[in-house]
């Protein structure tokens, strides 16, 4: 479970292989629906698999699904690293 006292940081700041809980999604309603459809919502675990060069997209695993999102959207998704 996320630690309510721990600071939130952007999904784009995770290191490859790091696992985190989604604690906030600060995108517009159109993107909110798309992210929910991909499984990215508050309380979900995400694992950063790859960071593309030259500010390219981030490859994530959410549950059993792998997906890529732009760094701009990843900046708007708040996460807390999962310890344990």
C-alpha atoms as a PDB file:
ATOM      1  CA  UNK A   1       0.000   0.000   0.000  1.00  0.00           C
ATOM      2  CA  UNK A   2       1.183   3.544  -0.665  1.00  0.00           C
ATOM      3  CA  UNK A   3       2.605   5.437   2.309  1.00  0.00           C
ATOM      4  CA  UNK A   4       0.427   8.529   2.779  1.00  0.00           C
ATOM      5  CA  UNK A   5       3.312  10.391   4.449  1.00  0.00           C
ATOM      6  CA  UNK A   6       5.888   9.679   1.719  1.00  0.00           C
ATOM      7  CA  UNK A   7       6.386  12.253  -1.040  1.00  0.00           C
ATOM      8  CA  UNK A   8       4.952  11.653  -4.487  1.00  0.00           C
ATOM      9  CA  UNK A   9       7.198  11.877  -7.555  1.00  0.00           C
ATOM     10  CA  UNK A  10       6.572  11.658 -11.301  1.00  0.00           C
ATOM     11  CA  UNK A  11       6.438   8.271 -12.989  1.00  0.00           C
ATOM     12  CA  UNK A  12       9.075   9.536 -15.428  1.00  0.00           C
ATOM     13  CA  UNK A  13      11.595   9.785 -12.540  1.00  0.00           C
ATOM     14  CA  UNK A  14      11.626   6.027 -11.865  1.00  0.00           C
ATOM     15  CA  UNK A  15      14.722   4.031 -12.672  1.00  0.00           C
ATOM     16  CA  UNK A  16      14.535   0.996 -14.962  1.00  0.00           C
ATOM     17  CA  UNK A  17      13.344  -2.003 -12.938  1.00  0.00           C
ATOM     18  CA  UNK A  18      11.822   0.130 -10.177  1.00  0.00           C
ATOM     19  CA  UNK A  19       8.308  -0.729  -8.969  1.00  0.00           C
ATOM     20  CA  UNK A  20       5.913   1.930  -7.677  1.00  0.00           C
ATOM     21  CA  UNK A  21       2.298   2.550  -6.694  1.00  0.00           C
ATOM     22  CA  UNK A  22       0.277   5.070  -8.689  1.00  0.00           C
ATOM     23  CA  UNK A  23      -0.951   7.727  -6.224  1.00  0.00           C
ATOM     24  CA  UNK A  24      -2.240  10.438  -8.579  1.00  0.00           C
ATOM     25  CA  UNK A  25      -3.111  10.902 -12.230  1.00  0.00           C
ATOM     26  CA  UNK A  26      -3.133  14.575 -13.225  1.00  0.00           C
ATOM     27  CA  UNK A  27      -4.186  14.337 -16.859  1.00  0.00           C
ATOM     28  CA  UNK A  28      -7.290  15.602 -18.638  1.00  0.00           C
ATOM     29  CA  UNK A  29     -10.472  13.563 -18.845  1.00  0.00           C
ATOM     30  CA  UNK A  30      -9.683  12.193 -22.323  1.00  0.00           C
ATOM     31  CA  UNK A  31      -6.309  10.846 -21.203  1.00  0.00           C
ATOM     32  CA  UNK A  32      -7.754   9.704 -17.870  1.00  0.00           C
ATOM     33  CA  UNK A  33     -10.091   7.331 -19.723  1.00  0.00           C
ATOM     34  CA  UNK A  34      -7.298   6.034 -21.936  1.00  0.00           C
ATOM     35  CA  UNK A  35      -4.974   5.438 -18.989  1.00  0.00           C
ATOM     36  CA  UNK A  36      -7.739   3.643 -17.078  1.00  0.00           C
ATOM     37  CA  UNK A  37      -8.344   1.422 -20.111  1.00  0.00           C
ATOM     38  CA  UNK A  38      -4.622   0.547 -20.094  1.00  0.00           C
ATOM     39  CA  UNK A  39      -4.779  -0.271 -16.381  1.00  0.00           C
ATOM     40  CA  UNK A  40      -3.046   2.828 -15.020  1.00  0.00           C
ATOM     41  CA  UNK A  41      -5.107   4.085 -12.094  1.00  0.00           C
ATOM     42  CA  UNK A  42      -4.574   5.098  -8.478  1.00  0.00           C
ATOM     43  CA  UNK A  43      -3.449   2.167  -6.336  1.00  0.00           C
ATOM     44  CA  UNK A  44      -1.986   0.081  -9.195  1.00  0.00           C
ATOM     45  CA  UNK A  45       1.606  -1.200  -9.260  1.00  0.00           C
ATOM     46  CA  UNK A  46       3.721  -0.162 -12.237  1.00  0.00           C
ATOM     47  CA  UNK A  47       7.192  -1.377 -13.176  1.00  0.00           C
ATOM     48  CA  UNK A  48       9.426   0.711 -15.425  1.00  0.00           C
ATOM     49  CA  UNK A  49      10.901  -1.642 -18.034  1.00  0.00           C
ATOM     50  CA  UNK A  50      12.707   0.739 -20.415  1.00  0.00           C
ATOM     51  CA  UNK A  51      13.374   4.403 -21.092  1.00  0.00           C
ATOM     52  CA  UNK A  52      13.831   5.215 -24.778  1.00  0.00           C
ATOM     53  CA  UNK A  53      16.669   7.536 -25.770  1.00  0.00           C
ATOM     54  CA  UNK A  54      16.194  11.172 -26.767  1.00  0.00           C
ATOM     55  CA  UNK A  55      13.193  11.723 -24.478  1.00  0.00           C
ATOM     56  CA  UNK A  56      11.310   8.882 -26.123  1.00  0.00           C
ATOM     57  CA  UNK A  57       8.488   6.913 -24.502  1.00  0.00           C
ATOM     58  CA  UNK A  58       8.655   4.848 -21.334  1.00  0.00           C
ATOM     59  CA  UNK A  59       7.819   1.143 -21.428  1.00  0.00           C
ATOM     60  CA  UNK A  60       5.851  -0.009 -18.377  1.00  0.00           C
ATOM     61  CA  UNK A  61       4.335  -3.163 -16.982  1.00  0.00           C
ATOM     62  CA  UNK A  62       0.969  -2.803 -15.251  1.00  0.00           C
ATOM     63  CA  UNK A  63      -0.192  -6.183 -13.991  1.00  0.00           C
ATOM     64  CA  UNK A  64       0.456  -8.532 -16.917  1.00  0.00           C
ATOM     65  CA  UNK A  65       0.194  -5.802 -19.551  1.00  0.00           C
ATOM     66  CA  UNK A  66       3.172  -4.025 -21.107  1.00  0.00           C
ATOM     67  CA  UNK A  67       2.622  -0.599 -22.644  1.00  0.00           C
ATOM     68  CA  UNK A  68       4.440   2.564 -23.655  1.00  0.00           C
ATOM     69  CA  UNK A  69       3.511   6.123 -22.757  1.00  0.00           C
ATOM     70  CA  UNK A  70       5.029   9.475 -23.631  1.00  0.00           C
ATOM     71  CA  UNK A  71       7.252  11.142 -21.080  1.00  0.00           C
ATOM     72  CA  UNK A  72       4.936  14.148 -21.008  1.00  0.00           C
ATOM     73  CA  UNK A  73       2.084  12.007 -19.696  1.00  0.00           C
ATOM     74  CA  UNK A  74       4.450  10.145 -17.357  1.00  0.00           C
ATOM     75  CA  UNK A  75       5.356  13.518 -15.788  1.00  0.00           C
ATOM     76  CA  UNK A  76       1.697  13.931 -14.790  1.00  0.00           C
ATOM     77  CA  UNK A  77       1.361  10.529 -13.091  1.00  0.00           C
ATOM     78  CA  UNK A  78       2.422  10.614  -9.435  1.00  0.00           C
ATOM     79  CA  UNK A  79       3.962   7.500  -7.920  1.00  0.00           C
ATOM     80  CA  UNK A  80       5.542   6.280  -4.694  1.00  0.00           C
ATOM     81  CA  UNK A  81       8.255   3.638  -4.926  1.00  0.00           C
ATOM     82  CA  UNK A  82       7.286   0.203  -3.600  1.00  0.00           C
ATOM     83  CA  UNK A  83       9.690  -1.047  -0.956  1.00  0.00           C
ATOM     84  CA  UNK A  84       9.558  -4.744  -0.295  1.00  0.00           C
END
